[in-house]
Amino acid sequence: MNEQYDLPEDLDALDERLRRVALETVQTDARKWFSGEPRQPRDPNPWICFLGTGGSPRCMLTQSARTGGFMINLPGFALHTDPGPGAILQANRFNLDPTALDAVFVSHAHTDHYTEANTMIEAMCRMMSQRRGYVLAPGEIFEHNYISPFHQGQGTTTGPYRGGPASTLSLRNNQPVALGEVTLTPHTAYHGGENYGYVLEYQGLKIGYTSDTNYVRAYRDTDGQIQEVSSANRFGELHNVAQIVEVREDLKEIYSQVDILVANVTLLNMWGHRHLTGYGLIDLLTGSKVRQCYITHLDSAYFTNPGLANDLATLITRRSGVNCKVPVEGDKYEL
């Protein structure tokens, strides 16, 4: 038996070693995770980092681009938005410390947006040992337990896993939420179900996030005909667009006034009844105050065709006059 499992002759010594390693592990966990401090010193610099730039079910399932959402870091405040599949893997890959998070935001109950919210909450709460941080989401996320009751802070024990978020906040359209020196104002997104983007304000800086949303409602085609954008159209297609004639004016007013915009764009001209298209983003950005737009949540077609994602950003930049970029996953962009 010793030969089969390559065990040492002295099983008492092995027994002692296993017990010693177990004790050291528990002590290390207590010191590093249950201490009330983040694993790494907080970064005082303001930045945004994308743990994924992919969206749509096909991209989520193939991981042709990752779907981990993005982190915003400000002095004394860190937020993870829409932690979908791969969020914790990407955070560790890019040496981002999720124990330094102060808030987790979930826009809506689609798997590429909420799947790893529980995991990031557990990190934010230091392996659920601390009562800290905010979880912000539509009410249905909490009501239907897309985020588990345990990770909502309910039913925690008196043992080592006694923690959880200090506050779970059900989002309301246009109702600002004060998060220390940061204010986050949710805004309705038109995608089906309860869904919110936001504007985050910090010391005069405004960062907008569109979430997944319809934007263009009607356009004039190259034959001069007015076409409504709806699910009755083939794949919500915007076909032969000559001019955008009707949009969600509330979204245009809100997101055209921010400094930095994170725009979820699935494709240039498809799924327009549910998503912000490239054509819609051109309209939103033209004449806006936006100085930098990060395009994310792209369909896998833009990644399986090398360079096409950046070509899309170039097209939108040149037609809107606003600098647009598909971010490199893991890179930190100064705010």
Protein backbone atom coordinates (compact mmCIF):
# COMPACT_ATOMS: atom_id res chain seq x y z
CA MET A 1 0.00 0.00 0.00
CA ASN A 2 2.84 2.38 0.76
CA GLU A 3 4.23 1.87 -2.75
CA GLN A 4 0.84 2.41 -4.39
CA TYR A 5 0.29 5.81 -2.73
CA ASP A 6 3.95 6.71 -2.38
CA LEU A 7 3.56 7.19 1.39
CA PRO A 8 6.54 7.47 3.72
CA GLU A 9 7.24 4.60 6.08
CA ASP A 10 6.68 6.84 9.09
CA LEU A 11 2.93 7.48 9.01
CA ASP A 12 3.11 9.26 12.36
CA ALA A 13 5.40 11.84 10.77
CA LEU A 14 2.99 12.27 7.87
CA ASP A 15 0.10 12.63 10.30
CA GLU A 16 2.00 15.35 12.16
CA ARG A 17 2.83 17.21 8.94
CA LEU A 18 -0.78 17.20 7.73
CA ARG A 19 -1.95 18.57 11.08
CA ARG A 20 0.75 21.24 11.07
CA VAL A 21 -0.14 22.41 7.56
CA ALA A 22 -3.83 22.47 8.50
CA LEU A 23 -3.12 24.69 11.53
CA GLU A 24 -0.86 27.01 9.53
CA THR A 25 -3.56 27.33 6.86
CA VAL A 26 -6.26 28.26 9.36
CA GLN A 27 -3.94 30.76 11.07
CA THR A 28 -3.03 32.29 7.70
CA ASP A 29 -6.70 32.60 6.76
CA ALA A 30 -7.45 34.28 10.07
CA ARG A 31 -4.58 36.71 9.59
CA LYS A 32 -5.09 37.53 5.90
CA TRP A 33 -8.83 37.18 5.40
CA PHE A 34 -10.44 37.76 8.78
CA SER A 35 -8.27 40.70 9.81
CA GLY A 36 -10.61 43.42 8.56
CA GLU A 37 -7.96 44.70 6.14
CA PRO A 38 -7.64 44.19 2.38
CA ARG A 39 -5.04 41.70 1.22
CA GLN A 40 -3.11 44.46 -0.55
CA PRO A 41 -2.62 48.13 0.35
CA ARG A 42 -5.30 50.29 -1.22
CA ASP A 43 -4.34 51.97 -4.47
CA PRO A 44 -4.93 55.74 -4.10
CA ASN A 45 -4.95 56.32 -7.86
CA PRO A 46 -8.23 56.69 -9.79
CA TRP A 47 -8.63 54.14 -12.59
CA ILE A 48 -11.03 51.86 -14.41
CA CYS A 49 -10.11 48.28 -15.31
CA PHE A 50 -12.12 45.86 -17.44
CA LEU A 51 -12.20 42.22 -16.38
CA GLY A 52 -14.04 41.45 -19.59
CA THR A 53 -15.14 43.19 -22.78
CA GLY A 54 -17.51 40.51 -24.05
CA GLY A 55 -21.27 40.25 -23.89
CA SER A 56 -24.13 38.19 -25.29
CA PRO A 57 -24.73 34.50 -24.59
CA ARG A 58 -22.38 33.34 -27.35
CA CYS A 59 -19.47 35.38 -26.01
CA MET A 60 -20.22 34.30 -22.45
CA LEU A 61 -20.26 30.61 -23.36
CA THR A 62 -17.18 30.66 -25.60
CA GLN A 63 -15.21 33.27 -23.58
CA SER A 64 -13.82 34.62 -26.85
CA ALA A 65 -13.71 37.74 -24.70
CA ARG A 66 -14.22 37.55 -20.98
CA THR A 67 -17.40 38.60 -19.19
CA GLY A 68 -16.17 39.70 -15.76
CA GLY A 69 -17.49 43.27 -15.79
CA PHE A 70 -15.29 46.17 -14.67
CA MET A 71 -13.84 47.81 -11.57
CA ILE A 72 -13.68 51.51 -10.81
CA ASN A 73 -11.11 52.58 -8.23
CA LEU A 74 -11.25 56.01 -6.60
CA PRO A 75 -9.44 57.27 -3.49
CA GLY A 76 -11.08 55.37 -0.64
CA PHE A 77 -13.72 53.70 -2.81
CA ALA A 78 -13.75 50.69 -5.15
CA LEU A 79 -16.75 49.41 -7.14
CA HIS A 80 -17.21 46.24 -9.19
CA THR A 81 -19.93 46.52 -11.83
CA ASP A 82 -21.68 43.48 -13.32
CA PRO A 83 -19.41 40.62 -12.24
CA GLY A 84 -20.32 37.95 -14.77
CA PRO A 85 -18.62 34.59 -15.42
CA GLY A 86 -14.86 34.73 -14.88
CA ALA A 87 -14.81 37.80 -12.65
CA ILE A 88 -12.82 36.30 -9.79
CA LEU A 89 -10.46 34.48 -12.15
CA GLN A 90 -9.74 37.71 -14.02
CA ALA A 91 -9.31 39.69 -10.80
CA ASN A 92 -6.60 37.29 -9.63
CA ARG A 93 -5.05 37.09 -13.08
CA PHE A 94 -4.68 40.89 -13.19
CA ASN A 95 -3.61 41.21 -9.53
CA LEU A 96 -6.73 43.15 -8.59
CA ASP A 97 -7.71 42.79 -4.95
CA PRO A 98 -11.45 42.13 -4.59
CA THR A 99 -11.14 42.35 -0.79
CA ALA A 100 -10.63 46.09 -1.32
CA LEU A 101 -14.08 46.47 -2.88
CA ASP A 102 -16.54 48.77 -1.16
CA ALA A 103 -19.52 48.09 -3.41
CA VAL A 104 -20.86 45.61 -5.95
CA PHE A 105 -23.35 46.81 -8.57
CA VAL A 106 -25.56 44.45 -10.60
CA SER A 107 -27.55 46.04 -13.41
CA HIS A 108 -29.96 43.19 -14.18
CA ALA A 109 -30.64 39.48 -13.87
CA HIS A 110 -28.87 38.14 -16.95
CA THR A 111 -26.12 35.59 -16.44
CA ASP A 112 -23.36 37.64 -18.09
CA HIS A 113 -24.02 40.38 -15.53
CA TYR A 114 -24.77 38.80 -12.15
CA THR A 115 -23.34 35.25 -12.07
CA GLU A 116 -20.30 35.99 -9.88
CA ALA A 117 -21.88 38.66 -7.70
CA ASN A 118 -21.97 36.21 -4.79
CA THR A 119 -18.25 35.55 -5.21
CA MET A 120 -17.29 39.23 -5.30
CA ILE A 121 -19.50 39.95 -2.29
CA GLU A 122 -17.73 37.17 -0.42
CA ALA A 123 -14.40 38.79 -1.29
CA MET A 124 -15.62 42.29 -0.37
CA CYS A 125 -16.74 40.92 3.01
CA ARG A 126 -13.33 39.26 3.55
CA MET A 127 -14.50 35.66 3.17
CA MET A 128 -17.81 36.67 4.82
CA SER A 129 -15.97 37.40 8.06
CA GLN A 130 -16.76 41.14 8.04
CA ARG A 131 -19.95 43.16 7.86
CA ARG A 132 -19.01 45.76 5.25
CA GLY A 133 -19.75 47.23 1.84
CA TYR A 134 -22.78 47.90 -0.32
CA VAL A 135 -24.64 45.72 -2.77
CA LEU A 136 -26.69 47.70 -5.29
CA ALA A 137 -29.12 45.93 -7.60
CA PRO A 138 -32.70 45.93 -8.89
CA GLY A 139 -35.18 44.75 -6.30
CA GLU A 140 -35.94 41.58 -8.24
CA ILE A 141 -32.31 40.49 -7.89
CA PHE A 142 -32.82 40.31 -4.13
CA GLU A 143 -36.43 39.13 -4.19
CA HIS A 144 -35.73 36.16 -6.45
CA ASN A 145 -32.38 35.35 -4.80
CA TYR A 146 -30.19 35.84 -7.86
CA ILE A 147 -27.90 36.97 -5.07
CA SER A 148 -28.25 34.33 -2.37
CA PRO A 149 -29.81 35.21 1.00
CA PHE A 150 -26.46 34.40 2.63
CA HIS A 151 -24.67 36.92 0.39
CA GLN A 152 -27.42 39.44 1.04
CA GLY A 153 -26.33 39.22 4.68
CA GLN A 154 -29.31 37.18 5.83
CA GLY A 155 -28.95 34.17 8.09
CA THR A 156 -25.24 34.62 8.71
CA THR A 157 -23.89 32.73 11.68
CA THR A 158 -21.99 33.73 14.80
CA GLY A 159 -18.97 31.73 13.63
CA PRO A 160 -16.25 32.85 11.22
CA TYR A 161 -18.80 33.48 8.44
CA ARG A 162 -20.76 36.04 10.40
CA GLY A 163 -20.28 38.85 7.90
CA GLY A 164 -22.00 40.08 4.77
CA PRO A 165 -22.79 43.39 3.13
CA ALA A 166 -23.44 46.28 5.48
CA SER A 167 -26.24 47.42 3.19
CA THR A 168 -28.25 45.96 0.31
CA LEU A 169 -29.88 48.71 -1.72
CA SER A 170 -32.72 48.17 -4.19
CA LEU A 171 -32.20 50.61 -7.03
CA ARG A 172 -34.81 53.19 -8.01
CA ASN A 173 -34.78 55.24 -11.19
CA ASN A 174 -33.21 58.69 -10.71
CA GLN A 175 -32.87 58.15 -6.94
CA PRO A 176 -29.28 59.02 -5.91
CA VAL A 177 -27.42 56.76 -3.50
CA ALA A 178 -24.72 58.28 -1.28
CA LEU A 179 -21.69 56.00 -0.90
CA GLY A 180 -19.32 58.07 1.20
CA GLU A 181 -17.82 60.72 -1.06
CA VAL A 182 -19.32 59.03 -4.11
CA THR A 183 -22.87 59.44 -5.38
CA LEU A 184 -24.40 56.84 -7.68
CA THR A 185 -27.63 57.66 -9.50
CA PRO A 186 -29.39 54.72 -11.20
CA HIS A 187 -31.14 55.24 -14.53
CA THR A 188 -33.62 52.91 -16.18
CA ALA A 189 -32.32 50.78 -19.04
CA TYR A 190 -34.69 49.41 -21.68
CA HIS A 191 -33.78 45.77 -22.08
CA GLY A 192 -36.57 43.71 -20.55
CA GLY A 193 -37.02 43.17 -16.83
CA GLU A 194 -35.80 45.59 -14.19
CA ASN A 195 -32.48 47.04 -15.32
CA TYR A 196 -30.40 50.11 -14.49
CA GLY A 197 -27.35 51.92 -15.72
CA TYR A 198 -25.88 54.71 -13.61
CA VAL A 199 -23.97 57.94 -13.32
CA LEU A 200 -21.23 57.90 -10.68
CA GLU A 201 -20.08 61.29 -9.38
CA TYR A 202 -16.91 61.98 -7.43
CA GLN A 203 -15.43 65.45 -6.87
CA GLY A 204 -16.82 66.80 -10.14
CA LEU A 205 -15.99 63.70 -12.20
CA LYS A 206 -18.96 61.97 -13.85
CA ILE A 207 -18.72 58.36 -15.04
CA GLY A 208 -21.68 56.87 -16.90
CA TYR A 209 -22.60 53.24 -17.50
CA THR A 210 -25.39 52.45 -19.97
CA SER A 211 -25.99 48.80 -19.05
CA ASP A 212 -27.80 46.85 -21.80
CA THR A 213 -30.49 49.04 -23.31
CA ASN A 214 -32.45 49.93 -26.39
CA TYR A 215 -31.63 53.45 -27.56
CA VAL A 216 -32.69 53.97 -31.19
CA ARG A 217 -36.47 53.84 -31.63
CA ALA A 218 -36.75 54.79 -35.30
CA TYR A 219 -34.54 55.69 -38.26
CA ARG A 220 -34.82 56.78 -41.88
CA ASP A 221 -33.39 54.25 -44.33
CA THR A 222 -31.61 54.98 -47.60
CA ASP A 223 -34.94 54.74 -49.45
CA GLY A 224 -36.34 57.56 -47.34
CA GLN A 225 -38.66 55.31 -45.34
CA ILE A 226 -39.07 55.62 -41.58
CA GLN A 227 -38.38 52.29 -39.88
CA GLU A 228 -39.28 51.52 -36.29
CA VAL A 229 -36.80 49.44 -34.31
CA SER A 230 -38.60 46.48 -32.80
CA SER A 231 -38.42 42.75 -32.29
CA ALA A 232 -40.64 42.43 -35.37
CA ASN A 233 -37.63 43.40 -37.45
CA ARG A 234 -35.18 40.65 -38.32
CA PHE A 235 -32.93 40.36 -35.24
CA GLY A 236 -33.80 43.95 -34.34
CA GLU A 237 -31.72 45.02 -37.33
CA LEU A 238 -31.08 48.64 -38.29
CA HIS A 239 -30.86 48.17 -42.08
CA ASN A 240 -29.42 50.75 -44.50
CA VAL A 241 -29.49 53.57 -41.96
CA ALA A 242 -29.45 57.07 -43.41
CA GLN A 243 -30.53 59.04 -40.33
CA ILE A 244 -31.55 58.36 -36.75
CA VAL A 245 -34.91 60.06 -36.20
CA GLU A 246 -36.08 58.92 -32.74
CA VAL A 247 -34.10 57.84 -29.67
CA ARG A 248 -34.57 57.41 -25.93
CA GLU A 249 -34.24 61.09 -25.10
CA ASP A 250 -33.85 60.42 -21.39
CA LEU A 251 -30.73 58.32 -22.05
CA LYS A 252 -29.30 60.86 -24.47
CA GLU A 253 -29.75 63.66 -21.95
CA ILE A 254 -28.20 61.66 -19.10
CA TYR A 255 -25.23 60.02 -20.76
CA SER A 256 -24.25 62.87 -23.07
CA GLN A 257 -23.36 64.94 -19.99
CA VAL A 258 -20.80 62.60 -18.40
CA ASP A 259 -17.02 62.84 -18.67
CA ILE A 260 -16.38 59.14 -19.17
CA LEU A 261 -18.90 56.71 -20.62
CA VAL A 262 -18.89 52.92 -20.47
CA ALA A 263 -21.16 51.82 -23.30
CA ASN A 264 -22.50 48.29 -23.72
CA VAL A 265 -22.60 47.80 -27.49
CA THR A 266 -23.28 44.29 -28.75
CA LEU A 267 -23.10 44.88 -32.53
CA LEU A 268 -23.04 47.79 -34.99
CA ASN A 269 -26.60 47.34 -36.22
CA MET A 270 -28.25 44.24 -34.70
CA TRP A 271 -30.47 43.59 -31.66
CA GLY A 272 -31.35 47.28 -31.64
CA HIS A 273 -34.68 46.64 -29.89
CA ARG A 274 -32.77 45.43 -26.80
CA HIS A 275 -29.27 46.87 -27.09
CA LEU A 276 -27.36 50.05 -27.77
CA THR A 277 -26.02 49.60 -31.30
CA GLY A 278 -22.94 51.20 -32.77
CA TYR A 279 -25.21 53.50 -34.77
CA GLY A 280 -27.01 54.46 -31.59
CA LEU A 281 -23.76 55.22 -29.79
CA ILE A 282 -22.69 57.52 -32.63
CA ASP A 283 -25.92 59.47 -32.16
CA LEU A 284 -25.53 59.60 -28.37
CA LEU A 285 -21.94 60.82 -28.48
CA THR A 286 -22.28 63.40 -31.25
CA GLY A 287 -22.27 66.86 -29.67
CA SER A 288 -21.92 65.41 -26.17
CA LYS A 289 -19.59 66.38 -23.31
CA VAL A 290 -18.08 62.88 -23.21
CA ARG A 291 -14.30 63.02 -23.47
CA GLN A 292 -13.65 59.25 -23.40
CA CYS A 293 -15.93 56.33 -24.23
CA TYR A 294 -15.07 52.72 -23.44
CA ILE A 295 -16.96 50.22 -25.60
CA THR A 296 -17.62 46.87 -23.97
CA HIS A 297 -20.11 43.96 -23.90
CA LEU A 298 -19.29 43.15 -27.54
CA ASP A 299 -20.46 40.05 -29.38
CA SER A 300 -17.85 37.38 -30.02
CA ALA A 301 -17.93 38.19 -33.76
CA TYR A 302 -15.74 41.22 -33.04
CA PHE A 303 -13.09 39.08 -31.36
CA THR A 304 -13.08 36.00 -33.61
CA ASN A 305 -12.43 38.38 -36.52
CA PRO A 306 -9.05 39.87 -35.49
CA GLY A 307 -8.99 43.66 -35.25
CA LEU A 308 -12.71 44.12 -35.87
CA ALA A 309 -13.46 45.36 -32.34
CA ASN A 310 -10.92 48.15 -32.72
CA ASP A 311 -12.26 48.91 -36.20
CA LEU A 312 -15.71 49.41 -34.68
CA ALA A 313 -14.25 51.84 -32.14
CA THR A 314 -12.49 53.72 -34.96
CA LEU A 315 -15.72 54.02 -36.95
CA ILE A 316 -17.64 55.38 -33.96
CA THR A 317 -14.80 57.77 -33.05
CA ARG A 318 -14.62 59.27 -36.53
CA ARG A 319 -18.36 59.63 -36.97
CA SER A 320 -19.08 61.01 -33.49
CA GLY A 321 -15.97 63.09 -32.84
CA VAL A 322 -15.51 61.47 -29.41
CA ASN A 323 -12.54 59.25 -28.63
CA CYS A 324 -13.74 55.65 -28.29
CA LYS A 325 -11.76 52.60 -27.28
CA VAL A 326 -12.35 48.90 -26.78
CA PRO A 327 -10.27 48.49 -23.62
CA VAL A 328 -7.57 45.89 -23.19
CA GLU A 329 -8.71 43.50 -20.48
CA GLY A 330 -6.60 43.96 -17.36
CA ASP A 331 -5.19 47.37 -18.30
CA LYS A 332 -5.84 50.23 -15.89
CA TYR A 333 -7.07 53.44 -17.51
CA GLU A 334 -6.58 56.65 -15.57
CA LEU A 335 -9.73 58.55 -14.71
